[in-house]
Amino acid sequence: MKPSKIFWGIFFLGLGVLLLIKNFGDYDFYFPEIRKLWPLLLVAAGVIYLTKNMIARNVLAGLAGFALAFFILTITATIQYFPKKIFSHVNSSKNRSELISLKTEPFDTTIKFVDLAFDGGAGKYIVSSKDTNLMTLRTDRSGRRFTIHNEISGGRADLNVEMAEFNFDTDDTTFAALVELNLHPKPFYEDISFQMGAADLELNVSNLFFRKLRLELGASSTKLFLPNAAVGGSEIRVDCGASSIEIIIKKDSQVKIVNSMALSNFRTPPGFTEKGEAIYSDNFTGVGDVITIYIDGGVSSLQLRKE
């Protein structure tokens, strides 16, 4: 048998076996240091072409095929862990009580509806919904600037927050700034939009009622706490790069998730059912108020749980 046939045969066989081990053995194949060994594949290819010993050529071809399958899995695992690795060392140098207050928008009792657009760069973001003001924005970096526009008319607030300037401190080794955004839970949020680059995002909107929520993210690690659906339903759209996404849903919420991502290491958790290309909460009937989530992006990991 030709070495090329042995190589591809062992490659597909090995890749299939390793994927089965990964799916059923809870094994993630995350070996960041093994990337340095990929030139061994070139060495094996050179030896195969130079040697005339068919036994040695066939053995090396088989080993090279299996090694390539293994390298592919480690690369996908590395992509999955990339967002977590970026921000694993991001810690604010200040206590949260010492964060710099950038802007506070007072709450007007005439406000019944809010449209919110937030545009930020790379960093660590914490968004909560327990403020007595309409909005409070804080950060741990004096060099970060945001422009904020708030137009109130007819009981509706059009709130736009955009990063205008971020001056890097060369003595700061924590890589990314911490930004906290706190929202008032009382108004109804017709439209919420977050646009960010590479980010570690904790988005807790469990106290809000909203119609639409859109997340446009780069490589990111995202933790999303959701409320019950608004009357008439709520829609969430997530468009991201290589990401790790965790979604926490209230126990009595009806949820439908339409996923278009290339997922790695996903298992349908207790309390959910996978049917076709969608994932449903076990209490989903399609009648009443439903949260519908659309997720699209690169190679990512997705975790779902109820609380």
C-alpha atoms as a PDB file:
ATOM      1  CA  MET A   1       0.000   0.000   0.000  1.00  0.00           C
ATOM      2  CA  LYS A   2       1.288   3.469  -0.862  1.00  0.00           C
ATOM      3  CA  PRO A   3       2.374   5.721   2.033  1.00  0.00           C
ATOM      4  CA  SER A   4      -0.047   8.435   0.835  1.00  0.00           C
ATOM      5  CA  LYS A   5      -3.019   6.087   1.246  1.00  0.00           C
ATOM      6  CA  ILE A   6      -1.813   5.035   4.691  1.00  0.00           C
ATOM      7  CA  PHE A   7      -1.351   8.707   5.664  1.00  0.00           C
ATOM      8  CA  TRP A   8      -4.868   9.765   4.690  1.00  0.00           C
ATOM      9  CA  GLY A   9      -6.457   6.581   5.968  1.00  0.00           C
ATOM     10  CA  ILE A  10      -4.854   6.933   9.402  1.00  0.00           C
ATOM     11  CA  PHE A  11      -5.599  10.677   9.389  1.00  0.00           C
ATOM     12  CA  PHE A  12      -9.360  10.220   8.905  1.00  0.00           C
ATOM     13  CA  LEU A  13      -9.470   7.195  11.197  1.00  0.00           C
ATOM     14  CA  GLY A  14      -7.507   8.996  13.905  1.00  0.00           C
ATOM     15  CA  LEU A  15      -9.533  12.191  13.588  1.00  0.00           C
ATOM     16  CA  GLY A  16     -12.767  10.252  13.946  1.00  0.00           C
ATOM     17  CA  VAL A  17     -11.549   8.334  16.997  1.00  0.00           C
ATOM     18  CA  LEU A  18     -10.203  11.486  18.667  1.00  0.00           C
ATOM     19  CA  LEU A  19     -13.470  13.336  18.055  1.00  0.00           C
ATOM     20  CA  LEU A  20     -15.388  10.468  19.654  1.00  0.00           C
ATOM     21  CA  ILE A  21     -13.062  10.606  22.661  1.00  0.00           C
ATOM     22  CA  LYS A  22     -13.575  14.380  22.840  1.00  0.00           C
ATOM     23  CA  ASN A  23     -17.368  14.158  22.605  1.00  0.00           C
ATOM     24  CA  PHE A  24     -17.940  11.280  24.994  1.00  0.00           C
ATOM     25  CA  GLY A  25     -14.878  11.396  27.227  1.00  0.00           C
ATOM     26  CA  ASP A  26     -15.016  15.074  28.297  1.00  0.00           C
ATOM     27  CA  TYR A  27     -11.526  15.638  26.890  1.00  0.00           C
ATOM     28  CA  ASP A  28     -10.711  19.052  25.392  1.00  0.00           C
ATOM     29  CA  PHE A  29      -7.259  18.433  23.777  1.00  0.00           C
ATOM     30  CA  TYR A  30      -6.002  21.817  24.958  1.00  0.00           C
ATOM     31  CA  PHE A  31      -2.200  21.547  24.770  1.00  0.00           C
ATOM     32  CA  PRO A  32      -0.811  25.015  23.982  1.00  0.00           C
ATOM     33  CA  GLU A  33       2.838  23.891  24.073  1.00  0.00           C
ATOM     34  CA  ILE A  34       2.340  21.138  21.493  1.00  0.00           C
ATOM     35  CA  ARG A  35       2.027  23.766  18.740  1.00  0.00           C
ATOM     36  CA  LYS A  36       5.816  24.068  18.845  1.00  0.00           C
ATOM     37  CA  LEU A  37       6.179  20.455  17.671  1.00  0.00           C
ATOM     38  CA  TRP A  38       4.347  20.794  14.345  1.00  0.00           C
ATOM     39  CA  PRO A  39       7.667  20.903  12.349  1.00  0.00           C
ATOM     40  CA  LEU A  40       7.965  17.191  13.162  1.00  0.00           C
ATOM     41  CA  LEU A  41       5.399  16.646  10.407  1.00  0.00           C
ATOM     42  CA  LEU A  42       7.841  18.202   7.938  1.00  0.00           C
ATOM     43  CA  VAL A  43      10.633  16.002   9.278  1.00  0.00           C
ATOM     44  CA  ALA A  44       8.459  12.909   8.831  1.00  0.00           C
ATOM     45  CA  ALA A  45       7.567  13.954   5.271  1.00  0.00           C
ATOM     46  CA  GLY A  46      11.249  14.409   4.444  1.00  0.00           C
ATOM     47  CA  VAL A  47      12.184  11.001   5.844  1.00  0.00           C
ATOM     48  CA  ILE A  48       9.359   9.332   3.890  1.00  0.00           C
ATOM     49  CA  TYR A  49      10.637  10.779   0.621  1.00  0.00           C
ATOM     50  CA  LEU A  50      14.292   9.962   1.332  1.00  0.00           C
ATOM     51  CA  THR A  51      14.078   6.424   2.683  1.00  0.00           C
ATOM     52  CA  LYS A  52      13.626   3.404   0.449  1.00  0.00           C
ATOM     53  CA  ASN A  53      12.530   1.101   3.258  1.00  0.00           C
ATOM     54  CA  MET A  54       8.809   0.602   2.631  1.00  0.00           C
ATOM     55  CA  ILE A  55       8.100  -0.557   6.180  1.00  0.00           C
ATOM     56  CA  ALA A  56       9.676   2.599   7.627  1.00  0.00           C
ATOM     57  CA  ARG A  57       7.866   4.786   5.081  1.00  0.00           C
ATOM     58  CA  ASN A  58       4.499   3.225   5.864  1.00  0.00           C
ATOM     59  CA  VAL A  59       5.010   3.493   9.641  1.00  0.00           C
ATOM     60  CA  LEU A  60       6.053   7.143   9.382  1.00  0.00           C
ATOM     61  CA  ALA A  61       3.135   7.912   7.062  1.00  0.00           C
ATOM     62  CA  GLY A  62       0.702   6.431   9.573  1.00  0.00           C
ATOM     63  CA  LEU A  63       2.258   8.317  12.492  1.00  0.00           C
ATOM     64  CA  ALA A  64       2.224  11.561  10.504  1.00  0.00           C
ATOM     65  CA  GLY A  65      -1.457  11.109   9.624  1.00  0.00           C
ATOM     66  CA  PHE A  66      -2.402  10.560  13.255  1.00  0.00           C
ATOM     67  CA  ALA A  67      -0.216  13.472  14.374  1.00  0.00           C
ATOM     68  CA  LEU A  68      -1.926  15.805  11.887  1.00  0.00           C
ATOM     69  CA  ALA A  69      -5.352  14.800  13.228  1.00  0.00           C
ATOM     70  CA  PHE A  70      -4.153  15.460  16.774  1.00  0.00           C
ATOM     71  CA  PHE A  71      -2.680  18.848  15.832  1.00  0.00           C
ATOM     72  CA  ILE A  72      -5.956  19.911  14.224  1.00  0.00           C
ATOM     73  CA  LEU A  73      -7.878  19.173  17.429  1.00  0.00           C
ATOM     74  CA  THR A  74      -5.352  21.051  19.575  1.00  0.00           C
ATOM     75  CA  ILE A  75      -5.621  24.059  17.246  1.00  0.00           C
ATOM     76  CA  THR A  76      -9.429  24.151  17.542  1.00  0.00           C
ATOM     77  CA  ALA A  77      -9.141  23.817  21.329  1.00  0.00           C
ATOM     78  CA  THR A  78      -6.654  26.700  21.376  1.00  0.00           C
ATOM     79  CA  ILE A  79      -9.083  28.873  19.388  1.00  0.00           C
ATOM     80  CA  GLN A  80     -11.827  28.002  21.878  1.00  0.00           C
ATOM     81  CA  TYR A  81      -9.679  29.044  24.845  1.00  0.00           C
ATOM     82  CA  PHE A  82      -8.242  32.121  23.124  1.00  0.00           C
ATOM     83  CA  PRO A  83     -10.725  34.667  24.550  1.00  0.00           C
ATOM     84  CA  LYS A  84     -10.302  33.296  28.080  1.00  0.00           C
ATOM     85  CA  LYS A  85      -6.527  33.354  27.740  1.00  0.00           C
ATOM     86  CA  ILE A  86      -6.525  36.985  26.624  1.00  0.00           C
ATOM     87  CA  PHE A  87      -8.405  38.164  29.679  1.00  0.00           C
ATOM     88  CA  SER A  88      -7.307  35.611  32.271  1.00  0.00           C
ATOM     89  CA  HIS A  89      -4.865  38.138  33.725  1.00  0.00           C
ATOM     90  CA  VAL A  90      -7.056  41.225  33.424  1.00  0.00           C
ATOM     91  CA  ASN A  91      -7.626  42.497  36.933  1.00  0.00           C
ATOM     92  CA  SER A  92      -8.383  46.060  37.870  1.00  0.00           C
ATOM     93  CA  SER A  93      -5.648  47.682  39.927  1.00  0.00           C
ATOM     94  CA  LYS A  94      -8.363  49.430  41.943  1.00  0.00           C
ATOM     95  CA  ASN A  95     -11.220  48.281  44.119  1.00  0.00           C
ATOM     96  CA  ARG A  96     -14.626  48.695  42.523  1.00  0.00           C
ATOM     97  CA  SER A  97     -15.400  51.448  45.057  1.00  0.00           C
ATOM     98  CA  GLU A  98     -12.431  53.391  43.649  1.00  0.00           C
ATOM     99  CA  LEU A  99     -13.491  53.320  40.012  1.00  0.00           C
ATOM    100  CA  ILE A 100     -13.566  56.642  38.211  1.00  0.00           C
ATOM    101  CA  SER A 101     -17.078  57.895  37.517  1.00  0.00           C
ATOM    102  CA  LEU A 102     -17.200  59.066  33.911  1.00  0.00           C
ATOM    103  CA  LYS A 103     -20.837  59.946  33.535  1.00  0.00           C
ATOM    104  CA  THR A 104     -24.168  59.737  35.312  1.00  0.00           C
ATOM    105  CA  GLU A 105     -27.497  60.331  33.595  1.00  0.00           C
ATOM    106  CA  PRO A 106     -30.240  61.097  36.147  1.00  0.00           C
ATOM    107  CA  PHE A 107     -33.462  59.152  35.888  1.00  0.00           C
ATOM    108  CA  ASP A 108     -36.488  61.082  34.679  1.00  0.00           C
ATOM    109  CA  THR A 109     -39.793  59.587  35.836  1.00  0.00           C
ATOM    110  CA  THR A 110     -41.358  60.550  32.502  1.00  0.00           C
ATOM    111  CA  ILE A 111     -39.094  58.043  30.702  1.00  0.00           C
ATOM    112  CA  LYS A 112     -41.058  54.923  29.812  1.00  0.00           C
ATOM    113  CA  PHE A 113     -39.004  53.588  26.894  1.00  0.00           C
ATOM    114  CA  VAL A 114     -35.264  53.479  26.193  1.00  0.00           C
ATOM    115  CA  ASP A 115     -33.139  52.787  23.115  1.00  0.00           C
ATOM    116  CA  LEU A 116     -29.537  52.093  24.151  1.00  0.00           C
ATOM    117  CA  ALA A 117     -26.491  51.859  21.867  1.00  0.00           C
ATOM    118  CA  PHE A 118     -23.073  51.137  23.400  1.00  0.00           C
ATOM    119  CA  ASP A 119     -19.898  51.124  21.296  1.00  0.00           C
ATOM    120  CA  GLY A 120     -16.657  50.225  23.084  1.00  0.00           C
ATOM    121  CA  GLY A 121     -13.245  48.859  22.222  1.00  0.00           C
ATOM    122  CA  ALA A 122     -11.244  46.045  23.766  1.00  0.00           C
ATOM    123  CA  GLY A 123     -11.533  45.609  27.497  1.00  0.00           C
ATOM    124  CA  LYS A 124     -13.356  44.024  30.387  1.00  0.00           C
ATOM    125  CA  TYR A 125     -16.990  45.101  30.650  1.00  0.00           C
ATOM    126  CA  ILE A 126     -19.499  44.555  33.441  1.00  0.00           C
ATOM    127  CA  VAL A 127     -23.081  45.588  32.685  1.00  0.00           C
ATOM    128  CA  SER A 128     -25.732  45.452  35.415  1.00  0.00           C
ATOM    129  CA  SER A 129     -29.284  46.721  35.845  1.00  0.00           C
ATOM    130  CA  LYS A 130     -29.786  47.935  39.419  1.00  0.00           C
ATOM    131  CA  ASP A 131     -29.056  51.658  39.165  1.00  0.00           C
ATOM    132  CA  THR A 132     -31.261  54.432  40.543  1.00  0.00           C
ATOM    133  CA  ASN A 133     -29.945  56.683  37.763  1.00  0.00           C
ATOM    134  CA  LEU A 134     -30.879  56.085  34.161  1.00  0.00           C
ATOM    135  CA  MET A 135     -27.241  55.167  33.604  1.00  0.00           C
ATOM    136  CA  THR A 136     -23.917  55.269  35.439  1.00  0.00           C
ATOM    137  CA  LEU A 137     -20.624  54.667  33.631  1.00  0.00           C
ATOM    138  CA  ARG A 138     -17.381  54.023  35.505  1.00  0.00           C
ATOM    139  CA  THR A 139     -13.883  52.820  34.631  1.00  0.00           C
ATOM    140  CA  ASP A 140     -10.513  52.073  36.240  1.00  0.00           C
ATOM    141  CA  ARG A 141      -8.536  54.081  33.663  1.00  0.00           C
ATOM    142  CA  SER A 142      -8.294  57.867  33.599  1.00  0.00           C
ATOM    143  CA  GLY A 143      -7.154  57.641  29.964  1.00  0.00           C
ATOM    144  CA  ARG A 144     -10.431  56.230  28.666  1.00  0.00           C
ATOM    145  CA  ARG A 145     -12.996  58.686  27.329  1.00  0.00           C
ATOM    146  CA  PHE A 146     -16.599  58.132  26.253  1.00  0.00           C
ATOM    147  CA  THR A 147     -19.011  60.432  24.475  1.00  0.00           C
ATOM    148  CA  ILE A 148     -22.576  60.165  25.729  1.00  0.00           C
ATOM    149  CA  HIS A 149     -25.692  61.530  24.062  1.00  0.00           C
ATOM    150  CA  ASN A 150     -29.103  61.287  25.701  1.00  0.00           C
ATOM    151  CA  GLU A 151     -32.129  62.676  23.907  1.00  0.00           C
ATOM    152  CA  ILE A 152     -35.435  62.526  25.784  1.00  0.00           C
ATOM    153  CA  SER A 153     -38.674  63.160  23.943  1.00  0.00           C
ATOM    154  CA  GLY A 154     -42.236  61.956  24.417  1.00  0.00           C
ATOM    155  CA  GLY A 155     -41.360  59.617  27.271  1.00  0.00           C
ATOM    156  CA  ARG A 156     -38.549  57.966  25.297  1.00  0.00           C
ATOM    157  CA  ALA A 157     -34.797  58.211  25.926  1.00  0.00           C
ATOM    158  CA  ASP A 158     -32.377  57.656  23.052  1.00  0.00           C
ATOM    159  CA  LEU A 159     -29.108  56.870  24.840  1.00  0.00           C
ATOM    160  CA  ASN A 160     -25.876  56.558  22.859  1.00  0.00           C
ATOM    161  CA  VAL A 161     -22.554  55.718  24.541  1.00  0.00           C
ATOM    162  CA  GLU A 162     -19.394  55.558  22.433  1.00  0.00           C
ATOM    163  CA  MET A 163     -15.711  55.252  23.265  1.00  0.00           C
ATOM    164  CA  ALA A 164     -14.002  58.381  21.967  1.00  0.00           C
ATOM    165  CA  GLU A 165     -10.462  57.992  23.280  1.00  0.00           C
ATOM    166  CA  PHE A 166      -8.288  55.435  25.048  1.00  0.00           C
ATOM    167  CA  ASN A 167      -4.739  56.501  25.902  1.00  0.00           C
ATOM    168  CA  PHE A 168      -2.563  53.489  26.687  1.00  0.00           C
ATOM    169  CA  ASP A 169      -0.292  53.612  29.713  1.00  0.00           C
ATOM    170  CA  THR A 170       2.959  51.830  28.849  1.00  0.00           C
ATOM    171  CA  ASP A 171       3.519  51.082  32.547  1.00  0.00           C
ATOM    172  CA  ASP A 172       0.164  49.300  32.781  1.00  0.00           C
ATOM    173  CA  THR A 173       0.542  45.562  32.120  1.00  0.00           C
ATOM    174  CA  THR A 174      -3.086  44.507  32.663  1.00  0.00           C
ATOM    175  CA  PHE A 175      -3.782  44.947  28.908  1.00  0.00           C
ATOM    176  CA  ALA A 176      -7.413  45.994  29.086  1.00  0.00           C
ATOM    177  CA  ALA A 177      -9.504  48.495  30.977  1.00  0.00           C
ATOM    178  CA  LEU A 178     -12.421  47.653  33.216  1.00  0.00           C
ATOM    179  CA  VAL A 179     -15.643  49.478  32.346  1.00  0.00           C
ATOM    180  CA  GLU A 180     -18.836  49.233  34.394  1.00  0.00           C
ATOM    181  CA  LEU A 181     -22.211  50.257  33.019  1.00  0.00           C
ATOM    182  CA  ASN A 182     -25.197  50.243  35.364  1.00  0.00           C
ATOM    183  CA  LEU A 183     -28.737  50.753  34.025  1.00  0.00           C
ATOM    184  CA  HIS A 184     -32.077  51.623  35.604  1.00  0.00           C
ATOM    185  CA  PRO A 185     -34.414  48.578  35.557  1.00  0.00           C
ATOM    186  CA  LYS A 186     -37.730  50.439  35.365  1.00  0.00           C
ATOM    187  CA  PRO A 187     -38.098  51.633  31.728  1.00  0.00           C
ATOM    188  CA  PHE A 188     -38.909  49.250  28.909  1.00  0.00           C
ATOM    189  CA  TYR A 189     -35.891  48.856  26.628  1.00  0.00           C
ATOM    190  CA  GLU A 190     -37.099  48.708  23.035  1.00  0.00           C
ATOM    191  CA  ASP A 191     -33.640  48.199  21.569  1.00  0.00           C
ATOM    192  CA  ILE A 192     -30.267  47.475  23.219  1.00  0.00           C
ATOM    193  CA  SER A 193     -27.101  47.259  21.140  1.00  0.00           C
ATOM    194  CA  PHE A 194     -23.542  46.490  22.247  1.00  0.00           C
ATOM    195  CA  GLN A 195     -20.599  46.674  19.831  1.00  0.00           C
ATOM    196  CA  MET A 196     -17.177  45.709  21.180  1.00  0.00           C
ATOM    197  CA  GLY A 197     -13.828  44.435  20.035  1.00  0.00           C
ATOM    198  CA  ALA A 198     -11.935  41.721  21.884  1.00  0.00           C
ATOM    199  CA  ALA A 199     -13.731  41.761  25.203  1.00  0.00           C
ATOM    200  CA  ASP A 200     -14.497  39.996  28.438  1.00  0.00           C
ATOM    201  CA  LEU A 201     -18.184  40.820  28.856  1.00  0.00           C
ATOM    202  CA  GLU A 202     -20.452  40.102  31.810  1.00  0.00           C
ATOM    203  CA  LEU A 203     -23.897  41.293  30.774  1.00  0.00           C
ATOM    204  CA  ASN A 204     -26.515  41.019  33.507  1.00  0.00           C
ATOM    205  CA  VAL A 205     -29.861  42.235  32.196  1.00  0.00           C
ATOM    206  CA  SER A 206     -31.872  39.881  34.403  1.00  0.00           C
ATOM    207  CA  ASN A 207     -33.790  42.851  35.866  1.00  0.00           C
ATOM    208  CA  LEU A 208     -34.672  44.462  32.536  1.00  0.00           C
ATOM    209  CA  PHE A 209     -37.560  43.997  30.158  1.00  0.00           C
ATOM    210  CA  PHE A 210     -36.535  44.486  26.552  1.00  0.00           C
ATOM    211  CA  ARG A 211     -37.757  43.804  23.031  1.00  0.00           C
ATOM    212  CA  LYS A 212     -34.435  43.418  21.192  1.00  0.00           C
ATOM    213  CA  LEU A 213     -30.854  42.886  22.329  1.00  0.00           C
ATOM    214  CA  ARG A 214     -27.962  42.800  19.853  1.00  0.00           C
ATOM    215  CA  LEU A 215     -24.355  41.867  20.611  1.00  0.00           C
ATOM    216  CA  GLU A 216     -21.624  42.378  18.004  1.00  0.00           C
ATOM    217  CA  LEU A 217     -18.339  41.138  19.446  1.00  0.00           C
ATOM    218  CA  GLY A 218     -14.847  40.240  18.351  1.00  0.00           C
ATOM    219  CA  ALA A 219     -12.927  37.451  20.058  1.00  0.00           C
ATOM    220  CA  SER A 220     -14.683  37.433  23.398  1.00  0.00           C
ATOM    221  CA  SER A 221     -15.588  35.679  26.593  1.00  0.00           C
ATOM    222  CA  THR A 222     -19.234  36.484  27.316  1.00  0.00           C
ATOM    223  CA  LYS A 223     -21.477  35.713  30.274  1.00  0.00           C
ATOM    224  CA  LEU A 224     -25.115  36.663  29.698  1.00  0.00           C
ATOM    225  CA  PHE A 225     -27.785  36.722  32.442  1.00  0.00           C
ATOM    226  CA  LEU A 226     -31.290  36.943  30.961  1.00  0.00           C
ATOM    227  CA  PRO A 227     -34.676  37.984  32.382  1.00  0.00           C
ATOM    228  CA  ASN A 228     -38.034  36.485  31.587  1.00  0.00           C
ATOM    229  CA  ALA A 229     -39.371  37.453  28.187  1.00  0.00           C
ATOM    230  CA  ALA A 230     -41.231  40.716  27.791  1.00  0.00           C
ATOM    231  CA  VAL A 231     -44.913  40.648  26.900  1.00  0.00           C
ATOM    232  CA  GLY A 232     -44.974  39.708  23.226  1.00  0.00           C
ATOM    233  CA  GLY A 233     -41.529  38.106  23.411  1.00  0.00           C
ATOM    234  CA  SER A 234     -37.882  39.181  23.412  1.00  0.00           C
ATOM    235  CA  GLU A 235     -35.256  38.657  20.711  1.00  0.00           C
ATOM    236  CA  ILE A 236     -31.486  38.398  21.135  1.00  0.00           C
ATOM    237  CA  ARG A 237     -28.937  38.325  18.315  1.00  0.00           C
ATOM    238  CA  VAL A 238     -25.283  37.524  18.982  1.00  0.00           C
ATOM    239  CA  ASP A 239     -22.665  37.909  16.241  1.00  0.00           C
ATOM    240  CA  CYS A 240     -19.149  37.140  17.426  1.00  0.00           C
ATOM    241  CA  GLY A 241     -15.679  35.965  16.515  1.00  0.00           C
ATOM    242  CA  ALA A 242     -13.938  33.087  18.252  1.00  0.00           C
ATOM    243  CA  SER A 243     -15.800  33.188  21.542  1.00  0.00           C
ATOM    244  CA  SER A 244     -16.756  31.484  24.742  1.00  0.00           C
ATOM    245  CA  ILE A 245     -20.410  32.178  25.555  1.00  0.00           C
ATOM    246  CA  GLU A 246     -22.321  31.264  28.713  1.00  0.00           C
ATOM    247  CA  ILE A 247     -26.054  32.017  28.879  1.00  0.00           C
ATOM    248  CA  ILE A 248     -27.921  31.887  32.200  1.00  0.00           C
ATOM    249  CA  ILE A 249     -31.701  31.662  31.883  1.00  0.00           C
ATOM    250  CA  LYS A 250     -34.440  31.908  34.481  1.00  0.00           C
ATOM    251  CA  LYS A 251     -36.039  28.561  35.313  1.00  0.00           C
ATOM    252  CA  ASP A 252     -39.537  29.437  34.116  1.00  0.00           C
ATOM    253  CA  SER A 253     -38.485  31.165  30.872  1.00  0.00           C
ATOM    254  CA  GLN A 254     -39.498  29.756  27.501  1.00  0.00           C
ATOM    255  CA  VAL A 255     -36.388  29.878  25.336  1.00  0.00           C
ATOM    256  CA  LYS A 256     -35.544  28.990  21.745  1.00  0.00           C
ATOM    257  CA  ILE A 257     -31.914  29.158  20.588  1.00  0.00           C
ATOM    258  CA  VAL A 258     -31.014  29.073  16.896  1.00  0.00           C
ATOM    259  CA  ASN A 259     -27.286  28.438  16.618  1.00  0.00           C
ATOM    260  CA  SER A 260     -25.222  28.932  13.453  1.00  0.00           C
ATOM    261  CA  MET A 261     -21.799  28.709  15.113  1.00  0.00           C
ATOM    262  CA  ALA A 262     -19.217  26.007  14.607  1.00  0.00           C
ATOM    263  CA  LEU A 263     -19.360  24.754  18.178  1.00  0.00           C
ATOM    264  CA  SER A 264     -16.627  22.852  19.937  1.00  0.00           C
ATOM    265  CA  ASN A 265     -17.360  20.551  22.851  1.00  0.00           C
ATOM    266  CA  PHE A 266     -21.090  21.374  23.192  1.00  0.00           C
ATOM    267  CA  ARG A 267     -23.502  19.084  24.976  1.00  0.00           C
ATOM    268  CA  THR A 268     -27.191  19.764  25.457  1.00  0.00           C
ATOM    269  CA  PRO A 269     -27.502  20.500  29.199  1.00  0.00           C
ATOM    270  CA  PRO A 270     -30.300  19.324  31.505  1.00  0.00           C
ATOM    271  CA  GLY A 271     -33.448  21.368  31.055  1.00  0.00           C
ATOM    272  CA  PHE A 272     -32.971  21.782  27.291  1.00  0.00           C
ATOM    273  CA  THR A 273     -33.785  19.755  24.182  1.00  0.00           C
ATOM    274  CA  GLU A 274     -32.065  19.931  20.807  1.00  0.00           C
ATOM    275  CA  LYS A 275     -34.311  19.578  17.755  1.00  0.00           C
ATOM    276  CA  GLY A 276     -32.824  20.137  14.323  1.00  0.00           C
ATOM    277  CA  GLU A 277     -30.788  23.345  14.313  1.00  0.00           C
ATOM    278  CA  ALA A 278     -32.506  24.777  17.399  1.00  0.00           C
ATOM    279  CA  ILE A 279     -32.269  24.239  21.153  1.00  0.00           C
ATOM    280  CA  TYR A 280     -35.413  24.579  23.274  1.00  0.00           C
ATOM    281  CA  SER A 281     -36.042  24.852  26.989  1.00  0.00           C
ATOM    282  CA  ASP A 282     -37.994  21.840  28.229  1.00  0.00           C
ATOM    283  CA  ASN A 283     -40.985  24.040  29.076  1.00  0.00           C
ATOM    284  CA  PHE A 284     -41.142  25.483  25.547  1.00  0.00           C
ATOM    285  CA  THR A 285     -44.662  25.379  24.069  1.00  0.00           C
ATOM    286  CA  GLY A 286     -44.412  28.158  21.478  1.00  0.00           C
ATOM    287  CA  VAL A 287     -47.387  29.826  23.137  1.00  0.00           C
ATOM    288  CA  GLY A 288     -46.974  32.929  25.271  1.00  0.00           C
ATOM    289  CA  ASP A 289     -43.903  35.065  25.824  1.00  0.00           C
ATOM    290  CA  VAL A 290     -40.717  33.532  24.408  1.00  0.00           C
ATOM    291  CA  ILE A 291     -37.059  34.550  24.382  1.00  0.00           C
ATOM    292  CA  THR A 292     -35.583  33.769  20.960  1.00  0.00           C
ATOM    293  CA  ILE A 293     -31.792  33.784  20.699  1.00  0.00           C
ATOM    294  CA  TYR A 294     -29.883  33.775  17.395  1.00  0.00           C
ATOM    295  CA  ILE A 295     -26.153  33.059  17.628  1.00  0.00           C
ATOM    296  CA  ASP A 296     -23.717  33.324  14.732  1.00  0.00           C
ATOM    297  CA  GLY A 297     -19.938  33.388  14.788  1.00  0.00           C
ATOM    298  CA  GLY A 298     -16.657  31.555  14.480  1.00  0.00           C
ATOM    299  CA  VAL A 299     -15.397  28.477  16.280  1.00  0.00           C
ATOM    300  CA  SER A 300     -16.869  28.902  19.748  1.00  0.00           C
ATOM    301  CA  SER A 301     -17.997  27.197  22.911  1.00  0.00           C
ATOM    302  CA  LEU A 302     -21.543  27.568  24.230  1.00  0.00           C
ATOM    303  CA  GLN A 303     -22.819  26.804  27.727  1.00  0.00           C
ATOM    304  CA  LEU A 304     -26.448  26.984  28.824  1.00  0.00           C
ATOM    305  CA  ARG A 305     -27.897  26.728  32.303  1.00  0.00           C
ATOM    306  CA  LYS A 306     -30.959  27.682  34.298  1.00  0.00           C
ATOM    307  CA  GLU A 307     -31.132  29.298  37.690  1.00  0.00           C
END
